[in-house]
Amino acid sequence: MERLHSYGVWLHKSVGAKAFFVADREGKLLIDEVNSLKLLQVARTLAQASWAASRQAGGEPAVGSLHVKLGAESILEVLPVPTKYGPLILGVVVPGPLPTATVQVVASSLQKVVNTSIQGA
């Protein structure tokens, strides 16, 4: 949990995140700054659709983002992030859409945090 908090500090500084959450596939929150069950459900729905599309295409899920406009200056970026312990859903509230390269860095950083924190626990 401490490592997810540190990841959040990094996320705020590196991408200008206003808030974020990390949940498992069933919606159990690992960390939550957004405090919105409605946004969590939207993120779960988008992530499930992404995983289903990847399965139908017969490939590994590609790390990418899906986003929903929340207001004039807020977007919820949803990143389905595969880890060796199962898929996670990262929701990040940012001022605008993240570039693809940034999405890759954000997702791979979360993978490293989760994979190493569980191993080292």
PDB file of N, CA and C in Angstrom:
ATOM      1  N   MET A   1       0.829  -1.198   0.000  1.00  0.00           N
ATOM      2  CA  MET A   1       0.000   0.000   0.000  1.00  0.00           C
ATOM      3  C   MET A   1       0.869   1.256   0.000  1.00  0.00           C
ATOM      4  N   GLU A   2       1.951   1.198   0.749  1.00  0.00           N
ATOM      5  CA  GLU A   2       2.873   2.335   0.800  1.00  0.00           C
ATOM      6  C   GLU A   2       3.434   2.632  -0.583  1.00  0.00           C
ATOM      7  N   ARG A   3       3.747   1.570  -1.322  1.00  0.00           N
ATOM      8  CA  ARG A   3       4.299   1.754  -2.669  1.00  0.00           C
ATOM      9  C   ARG A   3       3.260   2.372  -3.609  1.00  0.00           C
ATOM     10  N   LEU A   4       1.986   2.029  -3.443  1.00  0.00           N
ATOM     11  CA  LEU A   4       0.945   2.658  -4.261  1.00  0.00           C
ATOM     12  C   LEU A   4       0.806   4.133  -3.912  1.00  0.00           C
ATOM     13  N   HIS A   5       0.961   4.460  -2.653  1.00  0.00           N
ATOM     14  CA  HIS A   5       0.925   5.873  -2.254  1.00  0.00           C
ATOM     15  C   HIS A   5       2.087   6.631  -2.916  1.00  0.00           C
ATOM     16  N   SER A   6       3.287   6.057  -2.878  1.00  0.00           N
ATOM     17  CA  SER A   6       4.453   6.679  -3.521  1.00  0.00           C
ATOM     18  C   SER A   6       4.242   6.801  -5.028  1.00  0.00           C
ATOM     19  N   TYR A   7       3.626   5.777  -5.619  1.00  0.00           N
ATOM     20  CA  TYR A   7       3.293   5.826  -7.044  1.00  0.00           C
ATOM     21  C   TYR A   7       2.360   7.008  -7.308  1.00  0.00           C
ATOM     22  N   GLY A   8       1.395   7.220  -6.433  1.00  0.00           N
ATOM     23  CA  GLY A   8       0.460   8.333  -6.572  1.00  0.00           C
ATOM     24  C   GLY A   8       1.152   9.686  -6.520  1.00  0.00           C
ATOM     25  N   VAL A   9       2.110   9.831  -5.624  1.00  0.00           N
ATOM     26  CA  VAL A   9       2.881  11.081  -5.544  1.00  0.00           C
ATOM     27  C   VAL A   9       3.589  11.316  -6.873  1.00  0.00           C
ATOM     28  N   TRP A  10       4.219  10.264  -7.397  1.00  0.00           N
ATOM     29  CA  TRP A  10       4.901  10.349  -8.692  1.00  0.00           C
ATOM     30  C   TRP A  10       3.905  10.707  -9.803  1.00  0.00           C
ATOM     31  N   LEU A  11       2.728  10.078  -9.782  1.00  0.00           N
ATOM     32  CA  LEU A  11       1.701  10.308 -10.805  1.00  0.00           C
ATOM     33  C   LEU A  11       1.240  11.764 -10.798  1.00  0.00           C
ATOM     34  N   HIS A  12       1.024  12.325  -9.624  1.00  0.00           N
ATOM     35  CA  HIS A  12       0.617  13.733  -9.516  1.00  0.00           C
ATOM     36  C   HIS A  12       1.681  14.641 -10.132  1.00  0.00           C
ATOM     37  N   LYS A  13       2.940  14.385  -9.819  1.00  0.00           N
ATOM     38  CA  LYS A  13       4.025  15.235 -10.315  1.00  0.00           C
ATOM     39  C   LYS A  13       4.289  15.032 -11.802  1.00  0.00           C
ATOM     40  N   SER A  14       4.286  13.792 -12.263  1.00  0.00           N
ATOM     41  CA  SER A  14       4.719  13.525 -13.633  1.00  0.00           C
ATOM     42  C   SER A  14       3.651  13.780 -14.692  1.00  0.00           C
ATOM     43  N   VAL A  15       2.384  13.557 -14.399  1.00  0.00           N
ATOM     44  CA  VAL A  15       1.340  13.757 -15.415  1.00  0.00           C
ATOM     45  C   VAL A  15       0.294  14.785 -15.010  1.00  0.00           C
ATOM     46  N   GLY A  16       0.491  15.423 -13.869  1.00  0.00           N
ATOM     47  CA  GLY A  16      -0.472  16.425 -13.422  1.00  0.00           C
ATOM     48  C   GLY A  16      -1.796  15.835 -12.981  1.00  0.00           C
ATOM     49  N   ALA A  17      -1.744  14.615 -12.443  1.00  0.00           N
ATOM     50  CA  ALA A  17      -2.978  13.964 -11.988  1.00  0.00           C
ATOM     51  C   ALA A  17      -3.622  14.762 -10.867  1.00  0.00           C
ATOM     52  N   LYS A  18      -4.933  14.926 -10.963  1.00  0.00           N
ATOM     53  CA  LYS A  18      -5.694  15.574  -9.894  1.00  0.00           C
ATOM     54  C   LYS A  18      -6.051  14.541  -8.827  1.00  0.00           C
ATOM     55  N   ALA A  19      -6.314  13.311  -9.255  1.00  0.00           N
ATOM     56  CA  ALA A  19      -6.667  12.208  -8.365  1.00  0.00           C
ATOM     57  C   ALA A  19      -6.536  10.914  -9.165  1.00  0.00           C
ATOM     58  N   PHE A  20      -6.471   9.788  -8.446  1.00  0.00           N
ATOM     59  CA  PHE A  20      -6.387   8.506  -9.131  1.00  0.00           C
ATOM     60  C   PHE A  20      -6.938   7.396  -8.246  1.00  0.00           C
ATOM     61  N   PHE A  21      -7.197   6.252  -8.868  1.00  0.00           N
ATOM     62  CA  PHE A  21      -7.537   5.042  -8.128  1.00  0.00           C
ATOM     63  C   PHE A  21      -6.941   3.849  -8.848  1.00  0.00           C
ATOM     64  N   VAL A  22      -6.751   2.781  -8.085  1.00  0.00           N
ATOM     65  CA  VAL A  22      -6.343   1.493  -8.638  1.00  0.00           C
ATOM     66  C   VAL A  22      -7.309   0.471  -8.070  1.00  0.00           C
ATOM     67  N   ALA A  23      -7.895  -0.319  -8.950  1.00  0.00           N
ATOM     68  CA  ALA A  23      -8.853  -1.349  -8.535  1.00  0.00           C
ATOM     69  C   ALA A  23      -8.533  -2.654  -9.245  1.00  0.00           C
ATOM     70  N   ASP A  24      -8.995  -3.753  -8.652  1.00  0.00           N
ATOM     71  CA  ASP A  24      -8.856  -5.026  -9.348  1.00  0.00           C
ATOM     72  C   ASP A  24     -10.035  -5.186 -10.300  1.00  0.00           C
ATOM     73  N   ARG A  25     -10.052  -6.277 -11.015  1.00  0.00           N
ATOM     74  CA  ARG A  25     -11.067  -6.514 -12.044  1.00  0.00           C
ATOM     75  C   ARG A  25     -12.496  -6.513 -11.482  1.00  0.00           C
ATOM     76  N   GLU A  26     -12.632  -6.944 -10.229  1.00  0.00           N
ATOM     77  CA  GLU A  26     -13.961  -6.997  -9.605  1.00  0.00           C
ATOM     78  C   GLU A  26     -14.380  -5.660  -9.000  1.00  0.00           C
ATOM     79  N   GLY A  27     -13.484  -4.686  -9.013  1.00  0.00           N
ATOM     80  CA  GLY A  27     -13.815  -3.364  -8.499  1.00  0.00           C
ATOM     81  C   GLY A  27     -13.338  -3.100  -7.082  1.00  0.00           C
ATOM     82  N   LYS A  28     -12.606  -4.048  -6.488  1.00  0.00           N
ATOM     83  CA  LYS A  28     -12.059  -3.816  -5.144  1.00  0.00           C
ATOM     84  C   LYS A  28     -10.946  -2.779  -5.252  1.00  0.00           C
ATOM     85  N   LEU A  29     -11.108  -1.706  -4.510  1.00  0.00           N
ATOM     86  CA  LEU A  29     -10.152  -0.609  -4.569  1.00  0.00           C
ATOM     87  C   LEU A  29      -8.905  -0.914  -3.751  1.00  0.00           C
ATOM     88  N   LEU A  30      -7.742  -0.717  -4.375  1.00  0.00           N
ATOM     89  CA  LEU A  30      -6.477  -0.865  -3.682  1.00  0.00           C
ATOM     90  C   LEU A  30      -6.030   0.480  -3.118  1.00  0.00           C
ATOM     91  N   ILE A  31      -6.351   1.550  -3.831  1.00  0.00           N
ATOM     92  CA  ILE A  31      -6.116   2.918  -3.387  1.00  0.00           C
ATOM     93  C   ILE A  31      -7.125   3.792  -4.125  1.00  0.00           C
ATOM     94  N   ASP A  32      -7.638   4.825  -3.447  1.00  0.00           N
ATOM     95  CA  ASP A  32      -8.694   5.632  -4.052  1.00  0.00           C
ATOM     96  C   ASP A  32      -8.638   7.081  -3.587  1.00  0.00           C
ATOM     97  N   GLU A  33      -8.324   7.971  -4.504  1.00  0.00           N
ATOM     98  CA  GLU A  33      -8.391   9.409  -4.234  1.00  0.00           C
ATOM     99  C   GLU A  33      -9.594  10.052  -4.930  1.00  0.00           C
ATOM    100  N   VAL A  34     -10.241   9.322  -5.812  1.00  0.00           N
ATOM    101  CA  VAL A  34     -11.335   9.868  -6.607  1.00  0.00           C
ATOM    102  C   VAL A  34     -12.639   9.877  -5.810  1.00  0.00           C
ATOM    103  N   ASN A  35     -12.864   8.853  -5.023  1.00  0.00           N
ATOM    104  CA  ASN A  35     -14.056   8.745  -4.170  1.00  0.00           C
ATOM    105  C   ASN A  35     -15.358   8.852  -4.949  1.00  0.00           C
ATOM    106  N   SER A  36     -15.444   8.104  -6.038  1.00  0.00           N
ATOM    107  CA  SER A  36     -16.674   8.098  -6.827  1.00  0.00           C
ATOM    108  C   SER A  36     -16.948   6.686  -7.322  1.00  0.00           C
ATOM    109  N   LEU A  37     -17.963   6.058  -6.743  1.00  0.00           N
ATOM    110  CA  LEU A  37     -18.332   4.717  -7.196  1.00  0.00           C
ATOM    111  C   LEU A  37     -18.810   4.733  -8.644  1.00  0.00           C
ATOM    112  N   LYS A  38     -19.420   5.839  -9.054  1.00  0.00           N
ATOM    113  CA  LYS A  38     -19.900   5.961 -10.431  1.00  0.00           C
ATOM    114  C   LYS A  38     -18.722   5.942 -11.414  1.00  0.00           C
ATOM    115  N   LEU A  39     -17.656   6.693 -11.113  1.00  0.00           N
ATOM    116  CA  LEU A  39     -16.483   6.696 -11.997  1.00  0.00           C
ATOM    117  C   LEU A  39     -15.764   5.351 -11.970  1.00  0.00           C
ATOM    118  N   LEU A  40     -15.752   4.691 -10.814  1.00  0.00           N
ATOM    119  CA  LEU A  40     -15.176   3.352 -10.745  1.00  0.00           C
ATOM    120  C   LEU A  40     -15.937   2.402 -11.655  1.00  0.00           C
ATOM    121  N   GLN A  41     -17.261   2.469 -11.646  1.00  0.00           N
ATOM    122  CA  GLN A  41     -18.066   1.588 -12.491  1.00  0.00           C
ATOM    123  C   GLN A  41     -17.829   1.886 -13.975  1.00  0.00           C
ATOM    124  N   VAL A  42     -17.729   3.162 -14.322  1.00  0.00           N
ATOM    125  CA  VAL A  42     -17.423   3.532 -15.716  1.00  0.00           C
ATOM    126  C   VAL A  42     -16.079   2.948 -16.120  1.00  0.00           C
ATOM    127  N   ALA A  43     -15.086   3.075 -15.253  1.00  0.00           N
ATOM    128  CA  ALA A  43     -13.748   2.550 -15.545  1.00  0.00           C
ATOM    129  C   ALA A  43     -13.776   1.034 -15.694  1.00  0.00           C
ATOM    130  N   ARG A  44     -14.486   0.350 -14.824  1.00  0.00           N
ATOM    131  CA  ARG A  44     -14.594  -1.117 -14.920  1.00  0.00           C
ATOM    132  C   ARG A  44     -15.243  -1.525 -16.234  1.00  0.00           C
ATOM    133  N   THR A  45     -16.286  -0.828 -16.631  1.00  0.00           N
ATOM    134  CA  THR A  45     -16.977  -1.145 -17.879  1.00  0.00           C
ATOM    135  C   THR A  45     -16.048  -0.964 -19.081  1.00  0.00           C
ATOM    136  N   LEU A  46     -15.315   0.145 -19.110  1.00  0.00           N
ATOM    137  CA  LEU A  46     -14.374   0.385 -20.210  1.00  0.00           C
ATOM    138  C   LEU A  46     -13.261  -0.660 -20.229  1.00  0.00           C
ATOM    139  N   ALA A  47     -12.719  -0.981 -19.060  1.00  0.00           N
ATOM    140  CA  ALA A  47     -11.635  -1.963 -18.987  1.00  0.00           C
ATOM    141  C   ALA A  47     -12.123  -3.345 -19.423  1.00  0.00           C
ATOM    142  N   GLN A  48     -13.312  -3.731 -18.985  1.00  0.00           N
ATOM    143  CA  GLN A  48     -13.866  -5.035 -19.375  1.00  0.00           C
ATOM    144  C   GLN A  48     -14.060  -5.107 -20.891  1.00  0.00           C
ATOM    145  N   ALA A  49     -14.539  -4.018 -21.489  1.00  0.00           N
ATOM    146  CA  ALA A  49     -14.720  -3.981 -22.942  1.00  0.00           C
ATOM    147  C   ALA A  49     -13.376  -4.102 -23.649  1.00  0.00           C
ATOM    148  N   SER A  50     -12.350  -3.460 -23.111  1.00  0.00           N
ATOM    149  CA  SER A  50     -11.018  -3.534 -23.696  1.00  0.00           C
ATOM    150  C   SER A  50     -10.472  -4.952 -23.628  1.00  0.00           C
ATOM    151  N   TRP A  51     -10.619  -5.612 -22.454  1.00  0.00           N
ATOM    152  CA  TRP A  51     -10.150  -6.986 -22.309  1.00  0.00           C
ATOM    153  C   TRP A  51     -10.913  -7.929 -23.233  1.00  0.00           C
ATOM    154  N   ALA A  52     -12.232  -7.741 -23.357  1.00  0.00           N
ATOM    155  CA  ALA A  52     -13.036  -8.594 -24.230  1.00  0.00           C
ATOM    156  C   ALA A  52     -12.616  -8.432 -25.685  1.00  0.00           C
ATOM    157  N   ALA A  53     -12.376  -7.200 -26.104  1.00  0.00           N
ATOM    158  CA  ALA A  53     -11.942  -6.950 -27.482  1.00  0.00           C
ATOM    159  C   ALA A  53     -10.589  -7.601 -27.754  1.00  0.00           C
ATOM    160  N   SER A  54      -9.689  -7.542 -26.792  1.00  0.00           N
ATOM    161  CA  SER A  54      -8.370  -8.166 -26.952  1.00  0.00           C
ATOM    162  C   SER A  54      -8.494  -9.674 -27.069  1.00  0.00           C
ATOM    163  N   ARG A  55      -9.359 -10.275 -26.248  1.00  0.00           N
ATOM    164  CA  ARG A  55      -9.566 -11.732 -26.316  1.00  0.00           C
ATOM    165  C   ARG A  55     -10.143 -12.137 -27.667  1.00  0.00           C
ATOM    166  N   GLN A  56     -11.104 -11.363 -28.163  1.00  0.00           N
ATOM    167  CA  GLN A  56     -11.717 -11.679 -29.447  1.00  0.00           C
ATOM    168  C   GLN A  56     -10.719 -11.555 -30.583  1.00  0.00           C
ATOM    169  N   ALA A  57      -9.799 -10.627 -30.444  1.00  0.00           N
ATOM    170  CA  ALA A  57      -8.775 -10.445 -31.469  1.00  0.00           C
ATOM    171  C   ALA A  57      -7.692 -11.513 -31.356  1.00  0.00           C
ATOM    172  N   GLY A  58      -7.726 -12.272 -30.255  1.00  0.00           N
ATOM    173  CA  GLY A  58      -6.786 -13.361 -30.088  1.00  0.00           C
ATOM    174  C   GLY A  58      -5.406 -12.948 -29.630  1.00  0.00           C
ATOM    175  N   GLY A  59      -5.294 -11.775 -29.061  1.00  0.00           N
ATOM    176  CA  GLY A  59      -3.978 -11.316 -28.633  1.00  0.00           C
ATOM    177  C   GLY A  59      -3.951 -10.900 -27.186  1.00  0.00           C
ATOM    178  N   GLU A  60      -2.761 -10.545 -26.773  1.00  0.00           N
ATOM    179  CA  GLU A  60      -2.576  -9.989 -25.439  1.00  0.00           C
ATOM    180  C   GLU A  60      -3.181  -8.594 -25.420  1.00  0.00           C
ATOM    181  N   PRO A  61      -3.752  -8.192 -24.292  1.00  0.00           N
ATOM    182  CA  PRO A  61      -4.275  -6.843 -24.223  1.00  0.00           C
ATOM    183  C   PRO A  61      -3.150  -5.824 -24.391  1.00  0.00           C
ATOM    184  N   ALA A  62      -3.343  -4.894 -25.277  1.00  0.00           N
ATOM    185  CA  ALA A  62      -2.364  -3.834 -25.474  1.00  0.00           C
ATOM    186  C   ALA A  62      -2.595  -2.784 -24.400  1.00  0.00           C
ATOM    187  N   VAL A  63      -1.510  -2.266 -23.870  1.00  0.00           N
ATOM    188  CA  VAL A  63      -1.655  -1.202 -22.880  1.00  0.00           C
ATOM    189  C   VAL A  63      -1.991   0.077 -23.632  1.00  0.00           C
ATOM    190  N   GLY A  64      -3.115   0.608 -23.330  1.00  0.00           N
ATOM    191  CA  GLY A  64      -3.573   1.845 -23.939  1.00  0.00           C
ATOM    192  C   GLY A  64      -4.542   2.488 -22.972  1.00  0.00           C
ATOM    193  N   SER A  65      -5.026   3.639 -23.328  1.00  0.00           N
ATOM    194  CA  SER A  65      -5.969   4.284 -22.422  1.00  0.00           C
ATOM    195  C   SER A  65      -7.284   4.541 -23.125  1.00  0.00           C
ATOM    196  N   LEU A  66      -8.278   4.614 -22.315  1.00  0.00           N
ATOM    197  CA  LEU A  66      -9.610   4.988 -22.744  1.00  0.00           C
ATOM    198  C   LEU A  66      -9.928   6.192 -21.870  1.00  0.00           C
ATOM    199  N   HIS A  67     -10.657   7.128 -22.385  1.00  0.00           N
ATOM    200  CA  HIS A  67     -10.944   8.265 -21.527  1.00  0.00           C
ATOM    201  C   HIS A  67     -12.369   8.777 -21.690  1.00  0.00           C
ATOM    202  N   VAL A  68     -12.803   9.427 -20.601  1.00  0.00           N
ATOM    203  CA  VAL A  68     -14.144   9.983 -20.519  1.00  0.00           C
ATOM    204  C   VAL A  68     -14.002  11.426 -20.049  1.00  0.00           C
ATOM    205  N   LYS A  69     -14.623  12.328 -20.764  1.00  0.00           N
ATOM    206  CA  LYS A  69     -14.578  13.738 -20.374  1.00  0.00           C
ATOM    207  C   LYS A  69     -15.481  13.942 -19.161  1.00  0.00           C
ATOM    208  N   LEU A  70     -14.917  14.541 -18.124  1.00  0.00           N
ATOM    209  CA  LEU A  70     -15.669  14.788 -16.896  1.00  0.00           C
ATOM    210  C   LEU A  70     -16.177  16.217 -16.809  1.00  0.00           C
ATOM    211  N   GLY A  71     -15.480  17.118 -17.461  1.00  0.00           N
ATOM    212  CA  GLY A  71     -15.835  18.532 -17.419  1.00  0.00           C
ATOM    213  C   GLY A  71     -14.946  19.286 -18.381  1.00  0.00           C
ATOM    214  N   ALA A  72     -15.009  20.598 -18.321  1.00  0.00           N
ATOM    215  CA  ALA A  72     -14.247  21.431 -19.249  1.00  0.00           C
ATOM    216  C   ALA A  72     -12.745  21.190 -19.144  1.00  0.00           C
ATOM    217  N   GLU A  73     -12.258  20.896 -17.952  1.00  0.00           N
ATOM    218  CA  GLU A  73     -10.821  20.730 -17.772  1.00  0.00           C
ATOM    219  C   GLU A  73     -10.464  19.450 -17.037  1.00  0.00           C
ATOM    220  N   SER A  74     -11.289  18.419 -17.158  1.00  0.00           N
ATOM    221  CA  SER A  74     -11.005  17.143 -16.489  1.00  0.00           C
ATOM    222  C   SER A  74     -11.404  15.965 -17.356  1.00  0.00           C
ATOM    223  N   ILE A  75     -10.513  15.001 -17.402  1.00  0.00           N
ATOM    224  CA  ILE A  75     -10.744  13.760 -18.133  1.00  0.00           C
ATOM    225  C   ILE A  75     -10.377  12.611 -17.213  1.00  0.00           C
ATOM    226  N   LEU A  76     -11.155  11.543 -17.250  1.00  0.00           N
ATOM    227  CA  LEU A  76     -10.786  10.316 -16.555  1.00  0.00           C
ATOM    228  C   LEU A  76     -10.106   9.419 -17.567  1.00  0.00           C
ATOM    229  N   GLU A  77      -8.813   9.196 -17.387  1.00  0.00           N
ATOM    230  CA  GLU A  77      -8.065   8.247 -18.201  1.00  0.00           C
ATOM    231  C   GLU A  77      -8.200   6.888 -17.532  1.00  0.00           C
ATOM    232  N   VAL A  78      -8.570   5.879 -18.293  1.00  0.00           N
ATOM    233  CA  VAL A  78      -8.718   4.525 -17.770  1.00  0.00           C
ATOM    234  C   VAL A  78      -7.677   3.652 -18.463  1.00  0.00           C
ATOM    235  N   LEU A  79      -6.814   3.050 -17.660  1.00  0.00           N
ATOM    236  CA  LEU A  79      -5.763   2.196 -18.194  1.00  0.00           C
ATOM    237  C   LEU A  79      -5.924   0.788 -17.629  1.00  0.00           C
ATOM    238  N   PRO A  80      -6.332  -0.167 -18.463  1.00  0.00           N
ATOM    239  CA  PRO A  80      -6.318  -1.558 -18.022  1.00  0.00           C
ATOM    240  C   PRO A  80      -4.850  -2.005 -17.998  1.00  0.00           C
ATOM    241  N   VAL A  81      -4.376  -2.427 -16.826  1.00  0.00           N
ATOM    242  CA  VAL A  81      -2.958  -2.740 -16.670  1.00  0.00           C
ATOM    243  C   VAL A  81      -2.807  -4.213 -16.284  1.00  0.00           C
ATOM    244  N   PRO A  82      -2.246  -5.021 -17.185  1.00  0.00           N
ATOM    245  CA  PRO A  82      -2.009  -6.422 -16.830  1.00  0.00           C
ATOM    246  C   PRO A  82      -0.808  -6.527 -15.883  1.00  0.00           C
ATOM    247  N   THR A  83      -0.958  -7.349 -14.859  1.00  0.00           N
ATOM    248  CA  THR A  83       0.170  -7.643 -13.970  1.00  0.00           C
ATOM    249  C   THR A  83       0.264  -9.160 -13.872  1.00  0.00           C
ATOM    250  N   LYS A  84       1.354  -9.640 -13.323  1.00  0.00           N
ATOM    251  CA  LYS A  84       1.470 -11.094 -13.209  1.00  0.00           C
ATOM    252  C   LYS A  84       0.543 -11.655 -12.138  1.00  0.00           C
ATOM    253  N   TYR A  85      -0.115 -10.800 -11.372  1.00  0.00           N
ATOM    254  CA  TYR A  85      -1.072 -11.236 -10.362  1.00  0.00           C
ATOM    255  C   TYR A  85      -2.513 -11.005 -10.785  1.00  0.00           C
ATOM    256  N   GLY A  86      -2.704 -10.569 -12.025  1.00  0.00           N
ATOM    257  CA  GLY A  86      -4.040 -10.317 -12.543  1.00  0.00           C
ATOM    258  C   GLY A  86      -4.173  -8.887 -13.034  1.00  0.00           C
ATOM    259  N   PRO A  87      -5.223  -8.636 -13.796  1.00  0.00           N
ATOM    260  CA  PRO A  87      -5.413  -7.303 -14.359  1.00  0.00           C
ATOM    261  C   PRO A  87      -5.858  -6.295 -13.304  1.00  0.00           C
ATOM    262  N   LEU A  88      -5.356  -5.083 -13.449  1.00  0.00           N
ATOM    263  CA  LEU A  88      -5.767  -3.975 -12.595  1.00  0.00           C
ATOM    264  C   LEU A  88      -6.326  -2.861 -13.466  1.00  0.00           C
ATOM    265  N   ILE A  89      -7.114  -2.011 -12.853  1.00  0.00           N
ATOM    266  CA  ILE A  89      -7.684  -0.854 -13.538  1.00  0.00           C
ATOM    267  C   ILE A  89      -7.139   0.400 -12.862  1.00  0.00           C
ATOM    268  N   LEU A  90      -6.475   1.214 -13.646  1.00  0.00           N
ATOM    269  CA  LEU A  90      -5.966   2.492 -13.154  1.00  0.00           C
ATOM    270  C   LEU A  90      -6.853   3.589 -13.717  1.00  0.00           C
ATOM    271  N   GLY A  91      -7.411   4.385 -12.855  1.00  0.00           N
ATOM    272  CA  GLY A  91      -8.191   5.552 -13.266  1.00  0.00           C
ATOM    273  C   GLY A  91      -7.463   6.803 -12.807  1.00  0.00           C
ATOM    274  N   VAL A  92      -7.215   7.721 -13.733  1.00  0.00           N
ATOM    275  CA  VAL A  92      -6.471   8.941 -13.411  1.00  0.00           C
ATOM    276  C   VAL A  92      -7.257  10.144 -13.923  1.00  0.00           C
ATOM    277  N   VAL A  93      -7.541  11.088 -13.038  1.00  0.00           N
ATOM    278  CA  VAL A  93      -8.205  12.330 -13.436  1.00  0.00           C
ATOM    279  C   VAL A  93      -7.104  13.332 -13.784  1.00  0.00           C
ATOM    280  N   VAL A  94      -7.097  13.755 -15.054  1.00  0.00           N
ATOM    281  CA  VAL A  94      -6.082  14.671 -15.572  1.00  0.00           C
ATOM    282  C   VAL A  94      -6.763  15.806 -16.338  1.00  0.00           C
ATOM    283  N   PRO A  95      -6.011  16.885 -16.601  1.00  0.00           N
ATOM    284  CA  PRO A  95      -6.605  18.017 -17.325  1.00  0.00           C
ATOM    285  C   PRO A  95      -6.945  17.707 -18.786  1.00  0.00           C
ATOM    286  N   GLY A  96      -6.215  16.803 -19.419  1.00  0.00           N
ATOM    287  CA  GLY A  96      -6.457  16.471 -20.825  1.00  0.00           C
ATOM    288  C   GLY A  96      -5.930  15.087 -21.134  1.00  0.00           C
ATOM    289  N   PRO A  97      -6.223  14.568 -22.333  1.00  0.00           N
ATOM    290  CA  PRO A  97      -5.763  13.221 -22.697  1.00  0.00           C
ATOM    291  C   PRO A  97      -4.242  13.101 -22.623  1.00  0.00           C
ATOM    292  N   LEU A  98      -3.792  11.948 -22.155  1.00  0.00           N
ATOM    293  CA  LEU A  98      -2.354  11.699 -22.066  1.00  0.00           C
ATOM    294  C   LEU A  98      -1.823  11.180 -23.396  1.00  0.00           C
ATOM    295  N   PRO A  99      -0.628  11.624 -23.793  1.00  0.00           N
ATOM    296  CA  PRO A  99      -0.005  11.082 -25.006  1.00  0.00           C
ATOM    297  C   PRO A  99       0.271   9.586 -24.836  1.00  0.00           C
ATOM    298  N   THR A 100       0.296   8.866 -25.942  1.00  0.00           N
ATOM    299  CA  THR A 100       0.506   7.421 -25.927  1.00  0.00           C
ATOM    300  C   THR A 100       1.784   7.034 -25.186  1.00  0.00           C
ATOM    301  N   ALA A 101       2.866   7.749 -25.415  1.00  0.00           N
ATOM    302  CA  ALA A 101       4.127   7.429 -24.741  1.00  0.00           C
ATOM    303  C   ALA A 101       3.991   7.579 -23.230  1.00  0.00           C
ATOM    304  N   THR A 102       3.256   8.574 -22.786  1.00  0.00           N
ATOM    305  CA  THR A 102       3.046   8.789 -21.356  1.00  0.00           C
ATOM    306  C   THR A 102       2.203   7.664 -20.773  1.00  0.00           C
ATOM    307  N   VAL A 103       1.188   7.237 -21.501  1.00  0.00           N
ATOM    308  CA  VAL A 103       0.341   6.127 -21.060  1.00  0.00           C
ATOM    309  C   VAL A 103       1.197   4.882 -20.845  1.00  0.00           C
ATOM    310  N   GLN A 104       2.112   4.616 -21.771  1.00  0.00           N
ATOM    311  CA  GLN A 104       2.993   3.452 -21.650  1.00  0.00           C
ATOM    312  C   GLN A 104       3.842   3.535 -20.379  1.00  0.00           C
ATOM    313  N   VAL A 105       4.393   4.699 -20.099  1.00  0.00           N
ATOM    314  CA  VAL A 105       5.241   4.888 -18.909  1.00  0.00           C
ATOM    315  C   VAL A 105       4.405   4.735 -17.633  1.00  0.00           C
ATOM    316  N   VAL A 106       3.226   5.344 -17.614  1.00  0.00           N
ATOM    317  CA  VAL A 106       2.349   5.271 -16.442  1.00  0.00           C
ATOM    318  C   VAL A 106       1.961   3.819 -16.159  1.00  0.00           C
ATOM    319  N   ALA A 107       1.581   3.088 -17.200  1.00  0.00           N
ATOM    320  CA  ALA A 107       1.169   1.691 -17.029  1.00  0.00           C
ATOM    321  C   ALA A 107       2.337   0.808 -16.605  1.00  0.00           C
ATOM    322  N   SER A 108       3.477   0.950 -17.266  1.00  0.00           N
ATOM    323  CA  SER A 108       4.624   0.098 -16.910  1.00  0.00           C
ATOM    324  C   SER A 108       5.129   0.416 -15.506  1.00  0.00           C
ATOM    325  N   SER A 109       5.024   1.665 -15.086  1.00  0.00           N
ATOM    326  CA  SER A 109       5.418   2.032 -13.723  1.00  0.00           C
ATOM    327  C   SER A 109       4.503   1.367 -12.698  1.00  0.00           C
ATOM    328  N   LEU A 110       3.203   1.329 -12.973  1.00  0.00           N
ATOM    329  CA  LEU A 110       2.283   0.652 -12.058  1.00  0.00           C
ATOM    330  C   LEU A 110       2.586  -0.845 -12.022  1.00  0.00           C
ATOM    331  N   GLN A 111       2.863  -1.434 -13.178  1.00  0.00           N
ATOM    332  CA  GLN A 111       3.213  -2.856 -13.212  1.00  0.00           C
ATOM    333  C   GLN A 111       4.423  -3.136 -12.319  1.00  0.00           C
ATOM    334  N   LYS A 112       5.447  -2.318 -12.412  1.00  0.00           N
ATOM    335  CA  LYS A 112       6.650  -2.505 -11.596  1.00  0.00           C
ATOM    336  C   LYS A 112       6.332  -2.385 -10.113  1.00  0.00           C
ATOM    337  N   VAL A 113       5.533  -1.383  -9.750  1.00  0.00           N
ATOM    338  CA  VAL A 113       5.172  -1.183  -8.342  1.00  0.00           C
ATOM    339  C   VAL A 113       4.421  -2.402  -7.811  1.00  0.00           C
ATOM    340  N   VAL A 114       3.446  -2.869  -8.549  1.00  0.00           N
ATOM    341  CA  VAL A 114       2.627  -3.999  -8.088  1.00  0.00           C
ATOM    342  C   VAL A 114       3.461  -5.279  -8.050  1.00  0.00           C
ATOM    343  N   ASN A 115       4.180  -5.554  -9.089  1.00  0.00           N
ATOM    344  CA  ASN A 115       4.952  -6.794  -9.145  1.00  0.00           C
ATOM    345  C   ASN A 115       6.043  -6.856  -8.075  1.00  0.00           C
ATOM    346  N   THR A 116       6.721  -5.758  -7.844  1.00  0.00           N
ATOM    347  CA  THR A 116       7.795  -5.778  -6.838  1.00  0.00           C
ATOM    348  C   THR A 116       7.256  -5.674  -5.425  1.00  0.00           C
ATOM    349  N   SER A 117       6.149  -4.961  -5.211  1.00  0.00           N
ATOM    350  CA  SER A 117       5.635  -4.837  -3.836  1.00  0.00           C
ATOM    351  C   SER A 117       5.058  -6.159  -3.352  1.00  0.00           C
ATOM    352  N   ILE A 118       4.464  -6.933  -4.230  1.00  0.00           N
ATOM    353  CA  ILE A 118       3.903  -8.229  -3.811  1.00  0.00           C
ATOM    354  C   ILE A 118       5.043  -9.217  -3.571  1.00  0.00           C
ATOM    355  N   GLN A 119       6.059  -9.180  -4.449  1.00  0.00           N
ATOM    356  CA  GLN A 119       7.201 -10.063  -4.263  1.00  0.00           C
ATOM    357  C   GLN A 119       7.931  -9.756  -2.971  1.00  0.00           C
ATOM    358  N   GLY A 120       8.110  -8.474  -2.674  1.00  0.00           N
ATOM    359  CA  GLY A 120       8.885  -8.070  -1.516  1.00  0.00           C
ATOM    360  C   GLY A 120       8.113  -8.069  -0.213  1.00  0.00           C
ATOM    361  N   ALA A 121       6.829  -8.337  -0.269  1.00  0.00           N
ATOM    362  CA  ALA A 121       6.005  -8.264   0.948  1.00  0.00           C
ATOM    363  C   ALA A 121       6.248  -9.445   1.861  1.00  0.00           C
TER     364      ALA A 121
END
